[in-house]
Amino acid sequence: MKYQIGNTGRLIVARFEDREDALKNITDIAKKENIRSAVFYLIGGLRQGRVVVGPEKEELPPKPVWREIKESHEVLGIGTIFWQEDEPKIHFHGAFGKKDMIKVGCLRETSETFLVLEAVIMEIEGIDARREFDQASGLTLLKL
């Protein structure tokens, strides 16, 4: 185990409008505000998205199992922001539900807002963390 201790920095509250790309907007905020480390929460609606719901088998490198969100879903989840070289990288896991259909997984690529999606971003100060590509897993992982 590796860990560091930091402090809470700025708090940012954002509202994403219908059809806006939530993950891109969070990335844009991180760039504009130079947020190097943060945790964030999302709550609201998602119209469209791609979600990884686990690996096909427990082996390295993992082959992701994808699920599509093709219509409005409620969303609630938590994510982190850490930079890989010159770009902020988002890692977000959430629950996505509509009626009796529920998906839980890692939202990647597409993330189109339905009506409104709220974000609360909490900056973490004093942490020297980054994302680096890990050859063994084939994933970009957190490095402390």
N, C-alpha and C. Protein backbone atom coordinates (compact mmCIF):
# COMPACT_ATOMS: atom_id res chain seq x y z
N MET A 1 0.85 -1.18 0.00
CA MET A 1 0.00 0.00 0.00
C MET A 1 0.89 1.24 0.00
N LYS A 2 0.45 2.22 -0.75
CA LYS A 2 1.11 3.52 -0.78
C LYS A 2 0.05 4.58 -0.56
N TYR A 3 0.36 5.60 0.23
CA TYR A 3 -0.60 6.68 0.41
C TYR A 3 0.11 7.96 0.76
N GLN A 4 -0.61 9.06 0.58
CA GLN A 4 -0.15 10.40 0.93
C GLN A 4 -1.28 11.11 1.64
N ILE A 5 -0.93 12.13 2.40
CA ILE A 5 -1.93 12.91 3.12
C ILE A 5 -1.93 14.33 2.56
N GLY A 6 -3.11 14.82 2.24
CA GLY A 6 -3.25 16.17 1.71
C GLY A 6 -4.36 16.92 2.42
N ASN A 7 -4.71 18.03 1.85
CA ASN A 7 -5.76 18.89 2.40
C ASN A 7 -6.76 19.25 1.31
N THR A 8 -7.97 19.56 1.73
CA THR A 8 -8.99 20.01 0.79
C THR A 8 -8.66 21.42 0.33
N GLY A 9 -8.68 21.60 -0.98
CA GLY A 9 -8.46 22.92 -1.58
C GLY A 9 -9.79 23.55 -1.95
N ARG A 10 -9.85 24.04 -3.15
CA ARG A 10 -11.06 24.70 -3.64
C ARG A 10 -12.19 23.69 -3.83
N LEU A 11 -13.43 24.18 -3.69
CA LEU A 11 -14.62 23.40 -4.00
C LEU A 11 -15.29 24.05 -5.19
N ILE A 12 -15.63 23.24 -6.18
CA ILE A 12 -16.26 23.75 -7.39
C ILE A 12 -17.58 23.03 -7.57
N VAL A 13 -18.63 23.78 -7.82
CA VAL A 13 -19.94 23.22 -8.13
C VAL A 13 -20.24 23.59 -9.57
N ALA A 14 -20.59 22.58 -10.37
CA ALA A 14 -20.88 22.82 -11.79
C ALA A 14 -22.21 22.18 -12.16
N ARG A 15 -22.87 22.80 -13.12
CA ARG A 15 -24.13 22.26 -13.65
C ARG A 15 -23.93 22.07 -15.14
N PHE A 16 -24.14 20.84 -15.60
CA PHE A 16 -24.04 20.53 -17.02
C PHE A 16 -25.45 20.45 -17.59
N GLU A 17 -25.63 21.12 -18.71
CA GLU A 17 -26.94 21.22 -19.34
C GLU A 17 -27.20 20.04 -20.27
N ASP A 18 -28.44 19.92 -20.71
CA ASP A 18 -28.87 18.85 -21.60
C ASP A 18 -27.93 18.74 -22.81
N ARG A 19 -27.49 17.52 -23.06
CA ARG A 19 -26.65 17.14 -24.20
C ARG A 19 -25.18 17.53 -24.05
N GLU A 20 -24.80 18.18 -22.97
CA GLU A 20 -23.38 18.47 -22.77
C GLU A 20 -22.63 17.20 -22.40
N ASP A 21 -21.34 17.16 -22.75
CA ASP A 21 -20.48 16.01 -22.46
C ASP A 21 -19.89 16.20 -21.05
N ALA A 22 -20.36 15.41 -20.10
CA ALA A 22 -19.98 15.58 -18.70
C ALA A 22 -18.48 15.35 -18.48
N LEU A 23 -17.94 14.25 -19.00
CA LEU A 23 -16.51 13.96 -18.77
C LEU A 23 -15.62 15.02 -19.41
N LYS A 24 -15.99 15.48 -20.60
CA LYS A 24 -15.21 16.55 -21.24
C LYS A 24 -15.28 17.83 -20.42
N ASN A 25 -16.46 18.16 -19.92
CA ASN A 25 -16.60 19.38 -19.12
C ASN A 25 -15.76 19.31 -17.84
N ILE A 26 -15.73 18.17 -17.19
CA ILE A 26 -14.90 18.03 -15.98
C ILE A 26 -13.42 18.18 -16.34
N THR A 27 -13.02 17.57 -17.46
CA THR A 27 -11.64 17.72 -17.94
C THR A 27 -11.33 19.18 -18.23
N ASP A 28 -12.26 19.87 -18.87
CA ASP A 28 -12.06 21.29 -19.19
C ASP A 28 -11.93 22.14 -17.93
N ILE A 29 -12.74 21.87 -16.91
CA ILE A 29 -12.63 22.60 -15.64
C ILE A 29 -11.27 22.34 -15.01
N ALA A 30 -10.83 21.08 -15.01
CA ALA A 30 -9.52 20.74 -14.42
C ALA A 30 -8.39 21.48 -15.14
N LYS A 31 -8.47 21.58 -16.46
CA LYS A 31 -7.45 22.31 -17.22
C LYS A 31 -7.50 23.80 -16.89
N LYS A 32 -8.69 24.39 -17.01
CA LYS A 32 -8.85 25.83 -16.81
C LYS A 32 -8.42 26.27 -15.42
N GLU A 33 -8.78 25.47 -14.41
CA GLU A 33 -8.49 25.82 -13.01
C GLU A 33 -7.20 25.20 -12.49
N ASN A 34 -6.50 24.47 -13.36
CA ASN A 34 -5.25 23.78 -12.99
C ASN A 34 -5.44 22.91 -11.74
N ILE A 35 -6.48 22.10 -11.78
CA ILE A 35 -6.76 21.16 -10.69
C ILE A 35 -5.95 19.90 -10.97
N ARG A 36 -4.92 19.65 -10.17
CA ARG A 36 -4.00 18.54 -10.40
C ARG A 36 -4.46 17.25 -9.72
N SER A 37 -5.19 17.37 -8.62
CA SER A 37 -5.69 16.22 -7.86
C SER A 37 -7.05 16.59 -7.30
N ALA A 38 -8.03 15.70 -7.47
CA ALA A 38 -9.37 15.99 -6.96
C ALA A 38 -10.21 14.74 -6.90
N VAL A 39 -11.26 14.84 -6.13
CA VAL A 39 -12.34 13.85 -6.12
C VAL A 39 -13.60 14.61 -6.51
N PHE A 40 -14.50 13.93 -7.22
CA PHE A 40 -15.74 14.61 -7.60
C PHE A 40 -16.92 13.65 -7.53
N TYR A 41 -18.09 14.24 -7.39
CA TYR A 41 -19.35 13.51 -7.35
C TYR A 41 -20.22 14.00 -8.50
N LEU A 42 -20.97 13.09 -9.10
CA LEU A 42 -21.96 13.44 -10.12
C LEU A 42 -23.32 12.93 -9.68
N ILE A 43 -24.34 13.74 -9.95
CA ILE A 43 -25.71 13.33 -9.67
C ILE A 43 -26.62 14.01 -10.69
N GLY A 44 -27.52 13.24 -11.27
CA GLY A 44 -28.44 13.80 -12.25
C GLY A 44 -28.80 12.80 -13.31
N GLY A 45 -28.85 13.26 -14.56
CA GLY A 45 -29.29 12.41 -15.65
C GLY A 45 -28.25 12.29 -16.76
N LEU A 46 -28.21 11.10 -17.33
CA LEU A 46 -27.33 10.82 -18.46
C LEU A 46 -28.19 10.30 -19.61
N ARG A 47 -28.01 10.88 -20.77
CA ARG A 47 -28.77 10.51 -21.97
C ARG A 47 -28.08 9.38 -22.73
N GLN A 48 -26.76 9.43 -22.74
CA GLN A 48 -25.99 8.49 -23.54
C GLN A 48 -24.63 8.30 -22.91
N GLY A 49 -24.11 7.07 -22.95
CA GLY A 49 -22.79 6.82 -22.40
C GLY A 49 -22.30 5.42 -22.72
N ARG A 50 -21.02 5.22 -22.48
CA ARG A 50 -20.40 3.90 -22.60
C ARG A 50 -19.79 3.56 -21.25
N VAL A 51 -20.11 2.37 -20.76
CA VAL A 51 -19.73 1.96 -19.41
C VAL A 51 -19.01 0.62 -19.47
N VAL A 52 -17.86 0.54 -18.80
CA VAL A 52 -17.17 -0.74 -18.63
C VAL A 52 -17.71 -1.37 -17.36
N VAL A 53 -18.24 -2.60 -17.49
CA VAL A 53 -18.87 -3.27 -16.35
C VAL A 53 -18.02 -4.43 -15.82
N GLY A 54 -16.74 -4.41 -16.14
CA GLY A 54 -15.83 -5.42 -15.62
C GLY A 54 -15.03 -6.07 -16.73
N PRO A 55 -14.06 -6.85 -16.34
CA PRO A 55 -13.28 -7.58 -17.35
C PRO A 55 -14.02 -8.86 -17.75
N GLU A 56 -13.75 -9.29 -18.97
CA GLU A 56 -14.33 -10.55 -19.44
C GLU A 56 -13.85 -11.71 -18.57
N LYS A 57 -12.56 -11.73 -18.25
CA LYS A 57 -11.96 -12.74 -17.38
C LYS A 57 -10.98 -12.05 -16.44
N GLU A 58 -10.68 -12.70 -15.33
CA GLU A 58 -9.73 -12.13 -14.37
C GLU A 58 -8.31 -12.46 -14.82
N GLU A 59 -7.85 -11.74 -15.86
CA GLU A 59 -6.52 -11.95 -16.38
C GLU A 59 -5.95 -10.61 -16.86
N LEU A 60 -4.62 -10.56 -16.98
CA LEU A 60 -3.96 -9.35 -17.44
C LEU A 60 -3.42 -9.56 -18.84
N PRO A 61 -3.53 -8.57 -19.70
CA PRO A 61 -4.33 -7.37 -19.50
C PRO A 61 -5.82 -7.71 -19.60
N PRO A 62 -6.65 -7.00 -18.86
CA PRO A 62 -8.09 -7.30 -18.89
C PRO A 62 -8.74 -6.89 -20.21
N LYS A 63 -9.68 -7.68 -20.66
CA LYS A 63 -10.49 -7.33 -21.83
C LYS A 63 -11.80 -6.77 -21.29
N PRO A 64 -12.07 -5.46 -21.50
CA PRO A 64 -13.26 -4.84 -20.90
C PRO A 64 -14.57 -5.34 -21.52
N VAL A 65 -15.59 -5.41 -20.67
CA VAL A 65 -16.95 -5.69 -21.11
C VAL A 65 -17.68 -4.35 -21.12
N TRP A 66 -18.18 -3.96 -22.30
CA TRP A 66 -18.83 -2.67 -22.49
C TRP A 66 -20.35 -2.80 -22.47
N ARG A 67 -21.01 -1.79 -21.92
CA ARG A 67 -22.46 -1.66 -22.00
C ARG A 67 -22.75 -0.23 -22.47
N GLU A 68 -23.78 -0.11 -23.26
CA GLU A 68 -24.18 1.19 -23.79
C GLU A 68 -25.37 1.75 -23.01
N ILE A 69 -25.34 3.03 -22.77
CA ILE A 69 -26.50 3.76 -22.27
C ILE A 69 -27.03 4.52 -23.48
N LYS A 70 -28.22 4.17 -23.92
CA LYS A 70 -28.76 4.73 -25.17
C LYS A 70 -30.00 5.57 -24.96
N GLU A 71 -30.42 5.72 -23.71
CA GLU A 71 -31.57 6.56 -23.39
C GLU A 71 -31.38 7.11 -21.99
N SER A 72 -32.25 7.99 -21.56
CA SER A 72 -32.08 8.65 -20.28
C SER A 72 -31.97 7.66 -19.13
N HIS A 73 -31.01 7.91 -18.25
CA HIS A 73 -30.78 7.13 -17.03
C HIS A 73 -30.46 8.10 -15.89
N GLU A 74 -30.83 7.72 -14.70
CA GLU A 74 -30.38 8.44 -13.52
C GLU A 74 -28.93 8.02 -13.28
N VAL A 75 -28.12 8.93 -12.75
CA VAL A 75 -26.73 8.61 -12.48
C VAL A 75 -26.31 9.18 -11.14
N LEU A 76 -25.52 8.39 -10.42
CA LEU A 76 -24.94 8.79 -9.15
C LEU A 76 -23.59 8.12 -9.06
N GLY A 77 -22.53 8.90 -8.78
CA GLY A 77 -21.23 8.27 -8.71
C GLY A 77 -20.14 9.18 -8.23
N ILE A 78 -18.94 8.60 -8.18
CA ILE A 78 -17.75 9.29 -7.67
C ILE A 78 -16.58 9.06 -8.61
N GLY A 79 -15.75 10.07 -8.72
CA GLY A 79 -14.59 9.95 -9.59
C GLY A 79 -13.40 10.69 -9.05
N THR A 80 -12.28 10.51 -9.74
CA THR A 80 -11.05 11.21 -9.37
C THR A 80 -10.47 11.90 -10.60
N ILE A 81 -9.67 12.91 -10.33
CA ILE A 81 -8.92 13.63 -11.37
C ILE A 81 -7.46 13.61 -10.96
N PHE A 82 -6.62 13.04 -11.80
CA PHE A 82 -5.17 13.11 -11.66
C PHE A 82 -4.61 13.24 -13.07
N TRP A 83 -3.49 13.88 -13.20
CA TRP A 83 -2.95 14.17 -14.52
C TRP A 83 -2.03 13.05 -15.01
N GLN A 84 -2.07 12.85 -16.33
CA GLN A 84 -1.11 11.99 -17.03
C GLN A 84 -0.36 12.91 -17.98
N GLU A 85 0.88 13.15 -17.68
CA GLU A 85 1.71 14.11 -18.42
C GLU A 85 1.03 15.47 -18.42
N ASP A 86 0.58 15.96 -19.58
CA ASP A 86 0.02 17.31 -19.67
C ASP A 86 -1.50 17.35 -19.74
N GLU A 87 -2.17 16.26 -19.39
CA GLU A 87 -3.62 16.19 -19.49
C GLU A 87 -4.25 15.61 -18.22
N PRO A 88 -5.36 16.21 -17.76
CA PRO A 88 -6.08 15.59 -16.65
C PRO A 88 -6.77 14.32 -17.14
N LYS A 89 -6.73 13.27 -16.32
CA LYS A 89 -7.39 12.01 -16.65
C LYS A 89 -8.46 11.74 -15.60
N ILE A 90 -9.65 11.44 -16.08
CA ILE A 90 -10.82 11.21 -15.23
C ILE A 90 -11.02 9.71 -15.03
N HIS A 91 -11.31 9.33 -13.81
CA HIS A 91 -11.70 7.94 -13.50
C HIS A 91 -13.00 8.04 -12.71
N PHE A 92 -14.10 7.59 -13.33
CA PHE A 92 -15.42 7.75 -12.73
C PHE A 92 -16.17 6.42 -12.72
N HIS A 93 -16.66 6.04 -11.56
CA HIS A 93 -17.53 4.87 -11.42
C HIS A 93 -18.88 5.33 -10.90
N GLY A 94 -19.93 4.79 -11.51
CA GLY A 94 -21.26 5.21 -11.11
C GLY A 94 -22.29 4.12 -11.27
N ALA A 95 -23.45 4.42 -10.74
CA ALA A 95 -24.63 3.58 -10.93
C ALA A 95 -25.55 4.32 -11.89
N PHE A 96 -26.05 3.59 -12.89
CA PHE A 96 -26.87 4.16 -13.94
C PHE A 96 -28.17 3.35 -13.99
N GLY A 97 -29.30 4.00 -13.77
CA GLY A 97 -30.54 3.25 -13.69
C GLY A 97 -31.69 3.88 -14.44
N LYS A 98 -32.56 3.01 -14.95
CA LYS A 98 -33.82 3.43 -15.56
C LYS A 98 -34.81 2.31 -15.32
N LYS A 99 -35.93 2.66 -14.69
CA LYS A 99 -36.95 1.67 -14.33
C LYS A 99 -36.27 0.55 -13.55
N ASP A 100 -36.35 -0.70 -14.03
CA ASP A 100 -35.73 -1.81 -13.32
C ASP A 100 -34.35 -2.17 -13.87
N MET A 101 -33.84 -1.37 -14.80
CA MET A 101 -32.52 -1.64 -15.39
C MET A 101 -31.46 -0.84 -14.64
N ILE A 102 -30.47 -1.54 -14.13
CA ILE A 102 -29.40 -0.87 -13.39
C ILE A 102 -28.06 -1.39 -13.91
N LYS A 103 -27.17 -0.44 -14.17
CA LYS A 103 -25.81 -0.76 -14.57
C LYS A 103 -24.88 -0.07 -13.59
N VAL A 104 -23.80 -0.73 -13.23
CA VAL A 104 -22.78 -0.11 -12.38
C VAL A 104 -21.45 -0.34 -13.08
N GLY A 105 -20.68 0.74 -13.24
CA GLY A 105 -19.41 0.57 -13.92
C GLY A 105 -18.67 1.87 -14.12
N CYS A 106 -17.65 1.78 -14.94
CA CYS A 106 -16.73 2.89 -15.22
C CYS A 106 -17.16 3.59 -16.50
N LEU A 107 -17.62 4.83 -16.37
CA LEU A 107 -18.06 5.62 -17.51
C LEU A 107 -16.85 6.10 -18.28
N ARG A 108 -16.82 5.80 -19.58
CA ARG A 108 -15.71 6.20 -20.44
C ARG A 108 -16.26 6.69 -21.77
N GLU A 109 -15.46 7.47 -22.43
CA GLU A 109 -15.76 7.95 -23.78
C GLU A 109 -16.99 8.84 -23.82
N THR A 110 -18.17 8.29 -24.10
CA THR A 110 -19.39 9.06 -24.27
C THR A 110 -20.06 9.34 -22.92
N SER A 111 -20.48 10.58 -22.70
CA SER A 111 -21.15 10.93 -21.44
C SER A 111 -22.06 12.13 -21.66
N GLU A 112 -23.15 11.92 -22.35
CA GLU A 112 -24.06 13.01 -22.73
C GLU A 112 -25.14 13.21 -21.66
N THR A 113 -25.21 14.42 -21.15
CA THR A 113 -26.15 14.78 -20.09
C THR A 113 -27.60 14.71 -20.58
N PHE A 114 -28.48 14.23 -19.70
CA PHE A 114 -29.93 14.31 -19.92
C PHE A 114 -30.49 15.35 -18.96
N LEU A 115 -31.06 16.40 -19.48
CA LEU A 115 -31.64 17.53 -18.73
C LEU A 115 -30.59 18.27 -17.91
N VAL A 116 -30.15 17.69 -16.80
CA VAL A 116 -29.16 18.36 -15.95
C VAL A 116 -28.34 17.33 -15.20
N LEU A 117 -27.07 17.64 -15.04
CA LEU A 117 -26.16 16.80 -14.28
C LEU A 117 -25.32 17.74 -13.41
N GLU A 118 -25.31 17.47 -12.11
CA GLU A 118 -24.58 18.32 -11.18
C GLU A 118 -23.27 17.66 -10.79
N ALA A 119 -22.22 18.47 -10.67
CA ALA A 119 -20.92 17.98 -10.25
C ALA A 119 -20.43 18.81 -9.08
N VAL A 120 -19.85 18.14 -8.10
CA VAL A 120 -19.16 18.80 -7.00
C VAL A 120 -17.73 18.28 -7.04
N ILE A 121 -16.79 19.19 -7.28
CA ILE A 121 -15.37 18.83 -7.40
C ILE A 121 -14.64 19.36 -6.18
N MET A 122 -13.92 18.48 -5.50
CA MET A 122 -13.14 18.86 -4.31
C MET A 122 -11.67 18.67 -4.61
N GLU A 123 -10.98 19.77 -4.73
CA GLU A 123 -9.55 19.75 -5.01
C GLU A 123 -8.78 19.19 -3.80
N ILE A 124 -7.74 18.42 -4.08
CA ILE A 124 -6.87 17.89 -3.03
C ILE A 124 -5.51 18.55 -3.17
N GLU A 125 -5.06 19.24 -2.13
CA GLU A 125 -3.77 19.93 -2.15
C GLU A 125 -2.74 19.09 -1.38
N GLY A 126 -1.47 19.21 -1.79
CA GLY A 126 -0.39 18.54 -1.08
C GLY A 126 -0.17 17.09 -1.47
N ILE A 127 -0.80 16.66 -2.56
CA ILE A 127 -0.66 15.29 -3.04
C ILE A 127 0.19 15.31 -4.31
N ASP A 128 1.17 14.42 -4.38
CA ASP A 128 1.99 14.28 -5.57
C ASP A 128 1.61 12.97 -6.23
N ALA A 129 0.50 12.98 -6.95
CA ALA A 129 -0.02 11.78 -7.60
C ALA A 129 -0.18 12.06 -9.09
N ARG A 130 -0.10 11.01 -9.88
CA ARG A 130 -0.25 11.14 -11.33
C ARG A 130 -0.73 9.80 -11.88
N ARG A 131 -1.14 9.83 -13.13
CA ARG A 131 -1.51 8.59 -13.81
C ARG A 131 -0.39 8.23 -14.78
N GLU A 132 -0.05 6.94 -14.79
CA GLU A 132 0.97 6.43 -15.71
C GLU A 132 0.48 5.13 -16.32
N PHE A 133 0.89 4.91 -17.57
CA PHE A 133 0.54 3.67 -18.24
C PHE A 133 1.30 2.51 -17.60
N ASP A 134 0.57 1.45 -17.26
CA ASP A 134 1.14 0.24 -16.66
C ASP A 134 1.18 -0.86 -17.72
N GLN A 135 2.37 -1.28 -18.07
CA GLN A 135 2.55 -2.26 -19.14
C GLN A 135 1.85 -3.59 -18.84
N ALA A 136 1.95 -4.08 -17.62
CA ALA A 136 1.41 -5.40 -17.26
C ALA A 136 -0.11 -5.44 -17.40
N SER A 137 -0.80 -4.39 -16.95
CA SER A 137 -2.26 -4.39 -16.97
C SER A 137 -2.82 -3.78 -18.26
N GLY A 138 -2.00 -3.00 -18.95
CA GLY A 138 -2.49 -2.30 -20.13
C GLY A 138 -3.37 -1.11 -19.79
N LEU A 139 -3.36 -0.70 -18.51
CA LEU A 139 -4.22 0.39 -18.04
C LEU A 139 -3.37 1.58 -17.59
N THR A 140 -4.01 2.73 -17.55
CA THR A 140 -3.38 3.93 -16.99
C THR A 140 -3.77 3.96 -15.51
N LEU A 141 -2.77 3.80 -14.63
CA LEU A 141 -3.04 3.64 -13.19
C LEU A 141 -2.49 4.81 -12.38
N LEU A 142 -3.02 4.96 -11.19
CA LEU A 142 -2.58 5.99 -10.26
C LEU A 142 -1.22 5.62 -9.69
N LYS A 143 -0.30 6.58 -9.69
CA LYS A 143 1.04 6.40 -9.12
C LYS A 143 1.25 7.45 -8.04
N LEU A 144 1.68 7.00 -6.87
CA LEU A 144 1.98 7.92 -5.76
C LEU A 144 3.48 7.97 -5.53
